[in-house]
Amino acid sequence: MPVYEYHPDELARLDVVRRARGLSLSRVREYWRAAQDREGRARHAPAEPRKPSELDIASCQRLEWARIVRVMEEQRMAVYLPDEDRRVARREELRVQRMAAEAALDEHSGEGLPAEVLRYRVYRITAQPVASVRDQLLIRHVFALSEGAAVEHAQAMFSRPAGIYQDCGYRIISVDQVLPEPGAFP
């Protein structure tokens, strides 16, 4: 069993906390409204069959922006400082405890080898049906170790016999790292 350093929801929350650092309450509210809009668009987009989906990510980020607004109002922060947000520190403690428990379980059930901690990211795969005349795009999110692994996973998903995409072939047209933002690994 692999031990993931961060899960997609943890990455989404950390991304928001990182972007909120040093912002005023009015700017945080702007990001919160933008996150609400993004979540609304994701609700009306075609549903993704597996997690993480655009809706999962957007919902998690909207909730985190809303939480930061509440924290700033309650603590009367002029700018958001994650070091003064008790929830950020508590989440980090819980993440470390989760990783330790998963690593211990893996080492106990495995061959006594140390657990492998994987630093996964979330990638947005955009694909288009090969036979499509219209610009009918398919968007899927993949939790993967690297861009290459995300592409391999998507190619397997699009070519799986008896899968939901079996009716026509798909051509991958873009792969974008969405969580954490490129170069911003916590």
N, C-alpha and C. Protein backbone atom coordinates (compact mmCIF):
# COMPACT_ATOMS: atom_id res chain seq x y z
N MET A 1 0.85 -1.17 0.00
CA MET A 1 0.00 0.00 0.00
C MET A 1 0.90 1.24 0.00
N PRO A 2 0.75 2.09 -1.00
CA PRO A 2 1.57 3.31 -1.01
C PRO A 2 1.08 4.29 0.05
N VAL A 3 1.99 5.08 0.54
CA VAL A 3 1.68 6.12 1.52
C VAL A 3 1.80 7.44 0.78
N TYR A 4 0.69 8.17 0.70
CA TYR A 4 0.69 9.44 -0.02
C TYR A 4 1.02 10.57 0.93
N GLU A 5 1.99 11.38 0.54
CA GLU A 5 2.36 12.51 1.39
C GLU A 5 1.17 13.46 1.56
N TYR A 6 0.45 13.70 0.48
CA TYR A 6 -0.75 14.54 0.52
C TYR A 6 -1.84 13.85 -0.30
N HIS A 7 -3.08 13.96 0.16
CA HIS A 7 -4.23 13.52 -0.61
C HIS A 7 -4.74 14.71 -1.42
N PRO A 8 -5.56 14.49 -2.45
CA PRO A 8 -6.02 15.62 -3.26
C PRO A 8 -6.72 16.71 -2.46
N ASP A 9 -7.55 16.35 -1.48
CA ASP A 9 -8.23 17.38 -0.69
C ASP A 9 -7.22 18.18 0.15
N GLU A 10 -6.19 17.52 0.64
CA GLU A 10 -5.15 18.22 1.39
C GLU A 10 -4.39 19.18 0.49
N LEU A 11 -4.11 18.74 -0.74
CA LEU A 11 -3.43 19.61 -1.70
C LEU A 11 -4.27 20.83 -2.02
N ALA A 12 -5.59 20.63 -2.18
CA ALA A 12 -6.48 21.76 -2.50
C ALA A 12 -6.50 22.77 -1.36
N ARG A 13 -6.60 22.30 -0.13
CA ARG A 13 -6.60 23.21 1.02
C ARG A 13 -5.26 23.93 1.16
N LEU A 14 -4.16 23.20 1.01
CA LEU A 14 -2.84 23.82 1.12
C LEU A 14 -2.61 24.87 0.03
N ASP A 15 -3.14 24.61 -1.15
CA ASP A 15 -3.01 25.56 -2.25
C ASP A 15 -3.71 26.87 -1.89
N VAL A 16 -4.89 26.78 -1.30
CA VAL A 16 -5.62 27.97 -0.89
C VAL A 16 -4.87 28.71 0.21
N VAL A 17 -4.41 27.99 1.21
CA VAL A 17 -3.68 28.62 2.33
C VAL A 17 -2.44 29.33 1.80
N ARG A 18 -1.72 28.69 0.90
CA ARG A 18 -0.51 29.30 0.33
C ARG A 18 -0.85 30.58 -0.43
N ARG A 19 -1.95 30.55 -1.22
CA ARG A 19 -2.33 31.73 -2.00
C ARG A 19 -2.88 32.85 -1.12
N ALA A 20 -3.50 32.48 0.02
CA ALA A 20 -4.11 33.47 0.91
C ALA A 20 -3.08 34.21 1.76
N ARG A 21 -1.92 33.63 1.94
CA ARG A 21 -0.89 34.22 2.81
C ARG A 21 -0.65 35.68 2.41
N GLY A 22 -0.79 36.57 3.39
CA GLY A 22 -0.50 37.98 3.18
C GLY A 22 -1.61 38.79 2.52
N LEU A 23 -2.75 38.16 2.20
CA LEU A 23 -3.84 38.88 1.56
C LEU A 23 -4.72 39.57 2.59
N SER A 24 -5.29 40.69 2.19
CA SER A 24 -6.25 41.40 3.05
C SER A 24 -7.59 40.67 3.01
N LEU A 25 -8.46 41.01 3.94
CA LEU A 25 -9.78 40.37 4.00
C LEU A 25 -10.57 40.62 2.72
N SER A 26 -10.48 41.82 2.17
CA SER A 26 -11.23 42.11 0.93
C SER A 26 -10.73 41.24 -0.23
N ARG A 27 -9.43 41.04 -0.32
CA ARG A 27 -8.87 40.17 -1.39
C ARG A 27 -9.27 38.72 -1.16
N VAL A 28 -9.27 38.27 0.09
CA VAL A 28 -9.68 36.89 0.39
C VAL A 28 -11.14 36.70 0.01
N ARG A 29 -11.97 37.70 0.27
CA ARG A 29 -13.39 37.61 -0.12
C ARG A 29 -13.53 37.53 -1.64
N GLU A 30 -12.69 38.26 -2.37
CA GLU A 30 -12.72 38.19 -3.84
C GLU A 30 -12.40 36.76 -4.30
N TYR A 31 -11.37 36.16 -3.71
CA TYR A 31 -11.01 34.78 -4.07
C TYR A 31 -12.13 33.82 -3.68
N TRP A 32 -12.79 34.07 -2.57
CA TRP A 32 -13.90 33.23 -2.13
C TRP A 32 -15.04 33.30 -3.15
N ARG A 33 -15.38 34.51 -3.61
CA ARG A 33 -16.43 34.66 -4.62
C ARG A 33 -16.02 33.97 -5.92
N ALA A 34 -14.76 34.10 -6.32
CA ALA A 34 -14.28 33.42 -7.53
C ALA A 34 -14.38 31.91 -7.36
N ALA A 35 -14.08 31.42 -6.16
CA ALA A 35 -14.18 29.98 -5.90
C ALA A 35 -15.64 29.53 -5.94
N GLN A 36 -16.57 30.37 -5.49
CA GLN A 36 -17.99 30.04 -5.58
C GLN A 36 -18.41 29.93 -7.04
N ASP A 37 -17.94 30.87 -7.86
CA ASP A 37 -18.24 30.84 -9.30
C ASP A 37 -17.68 29.58 -9.95
N ARG A 38 -16.44 29.25 -9.60
CA ARG A 38 -15.80 28.06 -10.16
C ARG A 38 -16.58 26.80 -9.78
N GLU A 39 -17.01 26.74 -8.52
CA GLU A 39 -17.79 25.58 -8.09
C GLU A 39 -19.12 25.51 -8.84
N GLY A 40 -19.75 26.66 -9.05
CA GLY A 40 -21.01 26.68 -9.81
C GLY A 40 -20.82 26.18 -11.24
N ARG A 41 -19.74 26.60 -11.89
CA ARG A 41 -19.45 26.12 -13.25
C ARG A 41 -19.18 24.62 -13.23
N ALA A 42 -18.47 24.15 -12.22
CA ALA A 42 -18.16 22.72 -12.13
C ALA A 42 -19.42 21.89 -11.91
N ARG A 43 -20.39 22.44 -11.19
CA ARG A 43 -21.66 21.72 -10.97
C ARG A 43 -22.42 21.52 -12.27
N HIS A 44 -22.28 22.48 -13.19
CA HIS A 44 -23.02 22.40 -14.45
C HIS A 44 -22.24 21.71 -15.57
N ALA A 45 -20.99 21.40 -15.31
CA ALA A 45 -20.17 20.69 -16.30
C ALA A 45 -20.51 19.21 -16.25
N PRO A 46 -20.19 18.47 -17.29
CA PRO A 46 -20.43 17.02 -17.25
C PRO A 46 -19.71 16.39 -16.06
N ALA A 47 -20.39 15.49 -15.39
CA ALA A 47 -19.82 14.85 -14.19
C ALA A 47 -18.65 13.94 -14.57
N GLU A 48 -17.63 13.97 -13.76
CA GLU A 48 -16.49 13.08 -13.95
C GLU A 48 -16.78 11.80 -13.18
N PRO A 49 -16.46 10.65 -13.77
CA PRO A 49 -16.83 9.38 -13.15
C PRO A 49 -16.01 8.99 -11.92
N ARG A 50 -14.89 9.60 -11.70
CA ARG A 50 -14.08 9.24 -10.53
C ARG A 50 -13.47 10.47 -9.89
N LYS A 51 -12.98 10.27 -8.70
CA LYS A 51 -12.37 11.35 -7.93
C LYS A 51 -10.87 11.36 -8.17
N PRO A 52 -10.21 12.46 -8.07
CA PRO A 52 -10.74 13.78 -7.82
C PRO A 52 -11.37 14.36 -9.08
N SER A 53 -12.43 15.11 -8.93
CA SER A 53 -13.07 15.76 -10.06
C SER A 53 -12.93 17.26 -9.91
N GLU A 54 -13.25 17.97 -10.96
CA GLU A 54 -13.21 19.43 -10.90
C GLU A 54 -14.14 19.93 -9.80
N LEU A 55 -15.30 19.29 -9.65
CA LEU A 55 -16.24 19.69 -8.60
C LEU A 55 -15.67 19.44 -7.21
N ASP A 56 -15.02 18.30 -7.01
CA ASP A 56 -14.39 18.01 -5.71
C ASP A 56 -13.37 19.09 -5.36
N ILE A 57 -12.52 19.41 -6.31
CA ILE A 57 -11.46 20.40 -6.07
C ILE A 57 -12.07 21.77 -5.81
N ALA A 58 -13.01 22.17 -6.65
CA ALA A 58 -13.63 23.49 -6.50
C ALA A 58 -14.38 23.61 -5.17
N SER A 59 -15.08 22.57 -4.77
CA SER A 59 -15.82 22.60 -3.50
C SER A 59 -14.88 22.71 -2.32
N CYS A 60 -13.83 21.94 -2.35
CA CYS A 60 -12.85 21.96 -1.26
C CYS A 60 -12.21 23.34 -1.16
N GLN A 61 -11.87 23.92 -2.29
CA GLN A 61 -11.23 25.23 -2.26
C GLN A 61 -12.21 26.32 -1.83
N ARG A 62 -13.46 26.24 -2.26
CA ARG A 62 -14.45 27.23 -1.82
C ARG A 62 -14.63 27.18 -0.31
N LEU A 63 -14.72 25.97 0.22
CA LEU A 63 -14.87 25.81 1.67
C LEU A 63 -13.67 26.38 2.42
N GLU A 64 -12.48 26.18 1.87
CA GLU A 64 -11.28 26.70 2.53
C GLU A 64 -11.23 28.23 2.48
N TRP A 65 -11.60 28.83 1.34
CA TRP A 65 -11.65 30.29 1.27
C TRP A 65 -12.67 30.82 2.27
N ALA A 66 -13.83 30.19 2.37
CA ALA A 66 -14.87 30.62 3.32
C ALA A 66 -14.35 30.51 4.76
N ARG A 67 -13.64 29.44 5.07
CA ARG A 67 -13.09 29.25 6.41
C ARG A 67 -12.08 30.34 6.73
N ILE A 68 -11.24 30.68 5.76
CA ILE A 68 -10.23 31.72 5.97
C ILE A 68 -10.91 33.07 6.20
N VAL A 69 -11.99 33.36 5.48
CA VAL A 69 -12.74 34.60 5.71
C VAL A 69 -13.22 34.64 7.16
N ARG A 70 -13.81 33.52 7.64
CA ARG A 70 -14.30 33.46 9.03
C ARG A 70 -13.16 33.67 10.03
N VAL A 71 -12.03 33.00 9.80
CA VAL A 71 -10.89 33.13 10.71
C VAL A 71 -10.40 34.57 10.75
N MET A 72 -10.30 35.20 9.60
CA MET A 72 -9.83 36.59 9.56
C MET A 72 -10.80 37.52 10.28
N GLU A 73 -12.10 37.29 10.09
CA GLU A 73 -13.09 38.13 10.77
C GLU A 73 -13.05 37.91 12.28
N GLU A 74 -13.02 36.65 12.69
CA GLU A 74 -13.02 36.33 14.12
C GLU A 74 -11.77 36.86 14.83
N GLN A 75 -10.61 36.72 14.18
CA GLN A 75 -9.36 37.13 14.80
C GLN A 75 -8.96 38.56 14.43
N ARG A 76 -9.80 39.21 13.64
CA ARG A 76 -9.56 40.59 13.20
C ARG A 76 -8.16 40.74 12.58
N MET A 77 -7.85 39.84 11.68
CA MET A 77 -6.56 39.88 10.99
C MET A 77 -6.59 40.95 9.90
N ALA A 78 -5.56 41.76 9.82
CA ALA A 78 -5.44 42.72 8.73
C ALA A 78 -5.06 41.99 7.45
N VAL A 79 -4.17 41.01 7.59
CA VAL A 79 -3.78 40.14 6.47
C VAL A 79 -3.77 38.71 7.01
N TYR A 80 -3.97 37.77 6.10
CA TYR A 80 -4.02 36.37 6.53
C TYR A 80 -2.61 35.84 6.76
N LEU A 81 -2.41 35.29 7.94
CA LEU A 81 -1.14 34.66 8.30
C LEU A 81 -1.42 33.22 8.74
N PRO A 82 -1.05 32.24 7.94
CA PRO A 82 -1.32 30.84 8.29
C PRO A 82 -0.76 30.44 9.65
N ASP A 83 0.33 31.07 10.08
CA ASP A 83 0.93 30.75 11.38
C ASP A 83 0.00 31.09 12.54
N GLU A 84 -0.94 32.00 12.30
CA GLU A 84 -1.89 32.38 13.34
C GLU A 84 -3.23 31.64 13.21
N ASP A 85 -3.30 30.74 12.26
CA ASP A 85 -4.52 29.96 12.01
C ASP A 85 -4.33 28.57 12.63
N ARG A 86 -4.99 28.33 13.75
CA ARG A 86 -4.82 27.06 14.48
C ARG A 86 -5.20 25.85 13.63
N ARG A 87 -6.17 26.00 12.75
CA ARG A 87 -6.62 24.87 11.93
C ARG A 87 -5.53 24.39 10.99
N VAL A 88 -4.72 25.29 10.47
CA VAL A 88 -3.63 24.91 9.57
C VAL A 88 -2.63 24.02 10.30
N ALA A 89 -2.25 24.41 11.50
CA ALA A 89 -1.30 23.60 12.28
C ALA A 89 -1.92 22.26 12.65
N ARG A 90 -3.20 22.25 13.02
CA ARG A 90 -3.86 21.00 13.40
C ARG A 90 -3.96 20.04 12.21
N ARG A 91 -4.26 20.57 11.04
CA ARG A 91 -4.33 19.71 9.85
C ARG A 91 -2.97 19.09 9.54
N GLU A 92 -1.92 19.86 9.73
CA GLU A 92 -0.59 19.32 9.48
C GLU A 92 -0.28 18.20 10.47
N GLU A 93 -0.66 18.38 11.72
CA GLU A 93 -0.48 17.32 12.71
C GLU A 93 -1.24 16.06 12.31
N LEU A 94 -2.48 16.23 11.88
CA LEU A 94 -3.30 15.09 11.47
C LEU A 94 -2.72 14.40 10.24
N ARG A 95 -2.18 15.19 9.30
CA ARG A 95 -1.58 14.61 8.10
C ARG A 95 -0.36 13.76 8.47
N VAL A 96 0.47 14.28 9.35
CA VAL A 96 1.66 13.54 9.79
C VAL A 96 1.24 12.27 10.52
N GLN A 97 0.21 12.34 11.36
CA GLN A 97 -0.29 11.14 12.05
C GLN A 97 -0.84 10.13 11.06
N ARG A 98 -1.58 10.60 10.04
CA ARG A 98 -2.11 9.70 9.01
C ARG A 98 -0.97 9.00 8.29
N MET A 99 0.04 9.77 7.90
CA MET A 99 1.17 9.17 7.19
C MET A 99 1.88 8.14 8.05
N ALA A 100 2.08 8.44 9.33
CA ALA A 100 2.76 7.51 10.23
C ALA A 100 1.95 6.23 10.38
N ALA A 101 0.62 6.36 10.52
CA ALA A 101 -0.23 5.18 10.66
C ALA A 101 -0.23 4.35 9.38
N GLU A 102 -0.31 5.00 8.23
CA GLU A 102 -0.29 4.28 6.96
C GLU A 102 1.06 3.61 6.74
N ALA A 103 2.13 4.28 7.09
CA ALA A 103 3.47 3.70 6.93
C ALA A 103 3.65 2.49 7.84
N ALA A 104 3.17 2.61 9.09
CA ALA A 104 3.27 1.48 10.02
C ALA A 104 2.47 0.29 9.52
N LEU A 105 1.27 0.55 9.01
CA LEU A 105 0.44 -0.53 8.46
C LEU A 105 1.11 -1.18 7.27
N ASP A 106 1.68 -0.35 6.40
CA ASP A 106 2.36 -0.87 5.21
C ASP A 106 3.58 -1.71 5.60
N GLU A 107 4.36 -1.23 6.55
CA GLU A 107 5.55 -1.98 6.97
C GLU A 107 5.16 -3.27 7.68
N HIS A 108 4.07 -3.24 8.44
CA HIS A 108 3.62 -4.43 9.17
C HIS A 108 3.06 -5.48 8.20
N SER A 109 2.27 -5.03 7.22
CA SER A 109 1.65 -5.98 6.29
C SER A 109 2.57 -6.37 5.14
N GLY A 110 3.60 -5.58 4.91
CA GLY A 110 4.52 -5.86 3.80
C GLY A 110 5.62 -6.82 4.22
N GLU A 111 6.74 -6.66 3.60
CA GLU A 111 7.88 -7.54 3.84
C GLU A 111 8.86 -6.92 4.82
N GLY A 112 8.39 -6.05 5.67
CA GLY A 112 9.26 -5.41 6.63
C GLY A 112 10.10 -4.28 6.06
N LEU A 113 9.83 -3.94 4.80
CA LEU A 113 10.56 -2.85 4.15
C LEU A 113 9.95 -1.52 4.55
N PRO A 114 10.75 -0.47 4.57
CA PRO A 114 10.16 0.83 4.90
C PRO A 114 9.12 1.22 3.85
N ALA A 115 8.09 1.91 4.30
CA ALA A 115 7.02 2.35 3.39
C ALA A 115 7.56 3.39 2.42
N GLU A 116 7.04 3.36 1.21
CA GLU A 116 7.42 4.33 0.20
C GLU A 116 6.42 5.49 0.26
N VAL A 117 6.91 6.69 0.54
CA VAL A 117 6.06 7.87 0.60
C VAL A 117 6.05 8.50 -0.79
N LEU A 118 4.85 8.63 -1.35
CA LEU A 118 4.71 9.15 -2.71
C LEU A 118 4.19 10.58 -2.68
N ARG A 119 4.80 11.40 -3.50
CA ARG A 119 4.44 12.82 -3.61
C ARG A 119 3.61 13.00 -4.88
N TYR A 120 2.33 12.67 -4.80
CA TYR A 120 1.45 12.76 -5.96
C TYR A 120 0.95 14.18 -6.17
N ARG A 121 0.51 14.42 -7.39
CA ARG A 121 -0.06 15.69 -7.79
C ARG A 121 -1.38 15.41 -8.52
N VAL A 122 -2.16 16.45 -8.73
CA VAL A 122 -3.40 16.31 -9.49
C VAL A 122 -3.19 16.98 -10.85
N TYR A 123 -3.49 16.23 -11.90
CA TYR A 123 -3.36 16.73 -13.27
C TYR A 123 -4.72 16.76 -13.94
N ARG A 124 -4.96 17.79 -14.76
CA ARG A 124 -6.16 17.88 -15.57
C ARG A 124 -5.80 17.39 -16.97
N ILE A 125 -6.49 16.34 -17.39
CA ILE A 125 -6.28 15.78 -18.73
C ILE A 125 -7.44 16.25 -19.60
N THR A 126 -7.13 16.89 -20.71
CA THR A 126 -8.15 17.30 -21.66
C THR A 126 -7.97 16.44 -22.90
N ALA A 127 -9.05 15.78 -23.30
CA ALA A 127 -9.01 14.89 -24.46
C ALA A 127 -10.16 15.23 -25.40
N GLN A 128 -10.00 14.81 -26.63
CA GLN A 128 -11.02 15.05 -27.65
C GLN A 128 -11.26 13.75 -28.40
N PRO A 129 -12.53 13.43 -28.68
CA PRO A 129 -12.80 12.22 -29.47
C PRO A 129 -12.12 12.34 -30.83
N VAL A 130 -11.49 11.27 -31.28
CA VAL A 130 -10.76 11.29 -32.55
C VAL A 130 -11.71 11.56 -33.71
N ALA A 131 -12.89 10.96 -33.67
CA ALA A 131 -13.85 11.09 -34.77
C ALA A 131 -14.74 12.31 -34.65
N SER A 132 -14.49 13.17 -33.69
CA SER A 132 -15.38 14.31 -33.45
C SER A 132 -15.14 15.43 -34.45
N VAL A 133 -16.22 15.94 -34.99
CA VAL A 133 -16.14 17.09 -35.88
C VAL A 133 -16.26 18.37 -35.03
N ARG A 134 -17.04 18.28 -33.96
CA ARG A 134 -17.23 19.42 -33.06
C ARG A 134 -16.10 19.45 -32.03
N ASP A 135 -16.02 20.56 -31.34
CA ASP A 135 -15.05 20.68 -30.25
C ASP A 135 -15.64 20.13 -28.97
N GLN A 136 -15.85 18.84 -28.95
CA GLN A 136 -16.42 18.17 -27.78
C GLN A 136 -15.26 17.66 -26.93
N LEU A 137 -14.93 18.39 -25.89
CA LEU A 137 -13.79 18.04 -25.06
C LEU A 137 -14.22 17.22 -23.86
N LEU A 138 -13.34 16.35 -23.43
CA LEU A 138 -13.55 15.53 -22.25
C LEU A 138 -12.45 15.91 -21.26
N ILE A 139 -12.84 16.23 -20.03
CA ILE A 139 -11.86 16.63 -19.02
C ILE A 139 -11.93 15.65 -17.87
N ARG A 140 -10.77 15.12 -17.49
CA ARG A 140 -10.67 14.21 -16.36
C ARG A 140 -9.50 14.65 -15.51
N HIS A 141 -9.62 14.45 -14.21
CA HIS A 141 -8.54 14.76 -13.28
C HIS A 141 -7.93 13.45 -12.80
N VAL A 142 -6.60 13.45 -12.71
CA VAL A 142 -5.87 12.23 -12.36
C VAL A 142 -4.90 12.56 -11.23
N PHE A 143 -4.85 11.69 -10.24
CA PHE A 143 -3.93 11.80 -9.11
C PHE A 143 -2.73 10.94 -9.49
N ALA A 144 -1.57 11.56 -9.77
CA ALA A 144 -0.42 10.81 -10.29
C ALA A 144 0.89 11.39 -9.79
N LEU A 145 1.94 10.58 -9.90
CA LEU A 145 3.27 10.95 -9.44
C LEU A 145 3.94 11.98 -10.34
N SER A 146 3.63 11.91 -11.65
CA SER A 146 4.27 12.82 -12.59
C SER A 146 3.35 13.04 -13.78
N GLU A 147 3.71 13.99 -14.62
CA GLU A 147 2.92 14.25 -15.83
C GLU A 147 2.89 13.01 -16.73
N GLY A 148 4.02 12.34 -16.87
CA GLY A 148 4.07 11.13 -17.68
C GLY A 148 3.17 10.04 -17.14
N ALA A 149 3.16 9.87 -15.82
CA ALA A 149 2.28 8.87 -15.20
C ALA A 149 0.82 9.24 -15.40
N ALA A 150 0.50 10.52 -15.37
CA ALA A 150 -0.87 10.97 -15.60
C ALA A 150 -1.31 10.65 -17.02
N VAL A 151 -0.41 10.87 -17.98
CA VAL A 151 -0.72 10.56 -19.37
C VAL A 151 -0.93 9.05 -19.55
N GLU A 152 -0.06 8.25 -18.97
CA GLU A 152 -0.22 6.79 -19.06
C GLU A 152 -1.55 6.34 -18.48
N HIS A 153 -1.91 6.90 -17.32
CA HIS A 153 -3.17 6.55 -16.68
C HIS A 153 -4.35 6.94 -17.58
N ALA A 154 -4.29 8.13 -18.15
CA ALA A 154 -5.37 8.60 -19.03
C ALA A 154 -5.46 7.74 -20.28
N GLN A 155 -4.33 7.40 -20.88
CA GLN A 155 -4.35 6.56 -22.07
C GLN A 155 -4.97 5.20 -21.77
N ALA A 156 -4.63 4.64 -20.62
CA ALA A 156 -5.22 3.36 -20.23
C ALA A 156 -6.73 3.52 -20.01
N MET A 157 -7.13 4.62 -19.41
CA MET A 157 -8.54 4.87 -19.15
C MET A 157 -9.31 5.00 -20.47
N PHE A 158 -8.74 5.70 -21.45
CA PHE A 158 -9.42 5.92 -22.71
C PHE A 158 -9.43 4.69 -23.61
N SER A 159 -8.53 3.74 -23.40
CA SER A 159 -8.46 2.57 -24.28
C SER A 159 -8.92 1.28 -23.61
N ARG A 160 -9.40 1.34 -22.37
CA ARG A 160 -9.82 0.15 -21.64
C ARG A 160 -11.02 -0.51 -22.33
N PRO A 161 -10.91 -1.82 -22.65
CA PRO A 161 -12.06 -2.52 -23.23
C PRO A 161 -13.21 -2.55 -22.22
N ALA A 162 -14.41 -2.43 -22.72
CA ALA A 162 -15.62 -2.43 -21.90
C ALA A 162 -15.66 -1.25 -20.94
N GLY A 163 -14.85 -0.23 -21.20
CA GLY A 163 -14.85 0.97 -20.37
C GLY A 163 -15.87 1.97 -20.86
N ILE A 164 -16.01 3.05 -20.13
CA ILE A 164 -17.02 4.04 -20.51
C ILE A 164 -16.63 4.84 -21.74
N TYR A 165 -15.38 4.74 -22.18
CA TYR A 165 -14.92 5.49 -23.35
C TYR A 165 -14.71 4.59 -24.57
N GLN A 166 -15.27 3.40 -24.55
CA GLN A 166 -14.98 2.44 -25.61
C GLN A 166 -15.61 2.80 -26.95
N ASP A 167 -16.64 3.64 -26.97
CA ASP A 167 -17.34 3.93 -28.22
C ASP A 167 -16.49 4.67 -29.24
N CYS A 168 -15.51 5.43 -28.81
CA CYS A 168 -14.63 6.11 -29.77
C CYS A 168 -13.29 6.38 -29.10
N GLY A 169 -12.28 6.50 -29.90
CA GLY A 169 -10.96 6.79 -29.36
C GLY A 169 -10.84 8.25 -28.98
N TYR A 170 -9.96 8.51 -28.04
CA TYR A 170 -9.73 9.87 -27.59
C TYR A 170 -8.27 10.22 -27.79
N ARG A 171 -8.04 11.48 -28.12
CA ARG A 171 -6.70 12.01 -28.30
C ARG A 171 -6.47 13.03 -27.19
N ILE A 172 -5.42 12.84 -26.42
CA ILE A 172 -5.09 13.77 -25.35
C ILE A 172 -4.53 15.04 -25.98
N ILE A 173 -5.14 16.18 -25.63
CA ILE A 173 -4.67 17.44 -26.21
C ILE A 173 -3.95 18.32 -25.20
N SER A 174 -4.15 18.07 -23.89
CA SER A 174 -3.37 18.82 -22.91
C SER A 174 -3.34 18.09 -21.57
N VAL A 175 -2.25 18.31 -20.85
CA VAL A 175 -2.06 17.79 -19.50
C VAL A 175 -1.53 18.96 -18.67
N ASP A 176 -2.30 19.33 -17.64
CA ASP A 176 -1.91 20.48 -16.82
C ASP A 176 -1.91 20.08 -15.36
N GLN A 177 -0.83 20.41 -14.66
CA GLN A 177 -0.79 20.18 -13.22
C GLN A 177 -1.65 21.26 -12.57
N VAL A 178 -2.67 20.84 -11.79
CA VAL A 178 -3.55 21.81 -11.15
C VAL A 178 -3.37 21.88 -9.65
N LEU A 179 -2.91 20.82 -9.03
CA LEU A 179 -2.65 20.80 -7.57
C LEU A 179 -1.38 20.04 -7.29
N PRO A 180 -0.50 20.55 -6.49
CA PRO A 180 -0.41 21.98 -6.25
C PRO A 180 -0.02 22.67 -7.52
N GLU A 181 -0.09 23.98 -7.53
CA GLU A 181 0.32 24.70 -8.74
C GLU A 181 1.78 24.35 -9.03
N PRO A 182 2.16 24.27 -10.29
CA PRO A 182 3.54 23.92 -10.63
C PRO A 182 4.57 24.75 -9.87
N GLY A 183 5.54 24.07 -9.32
CA GLY A 183 6.62 24.73 -8.59
C GLY A 183 6.27 25.15 -7.18
N ALA A 184 5.08 24.76 -6.72
CA ALA A 184 4.63 25.22 -5.40
C ALA A 184 4.42 24.07 -4.44
N PHE A 185 5.21 23.01 -4.56
CA PHE A 185 4.97 21.88 -3.68
C PHE A 185 5.28 22.27 -2.25
N PRO A 186 4.33 21.98 -1.34
CA PRO A 186 4.53 22.38 0.05
C PRO A 186 5.72 21.69 0.69
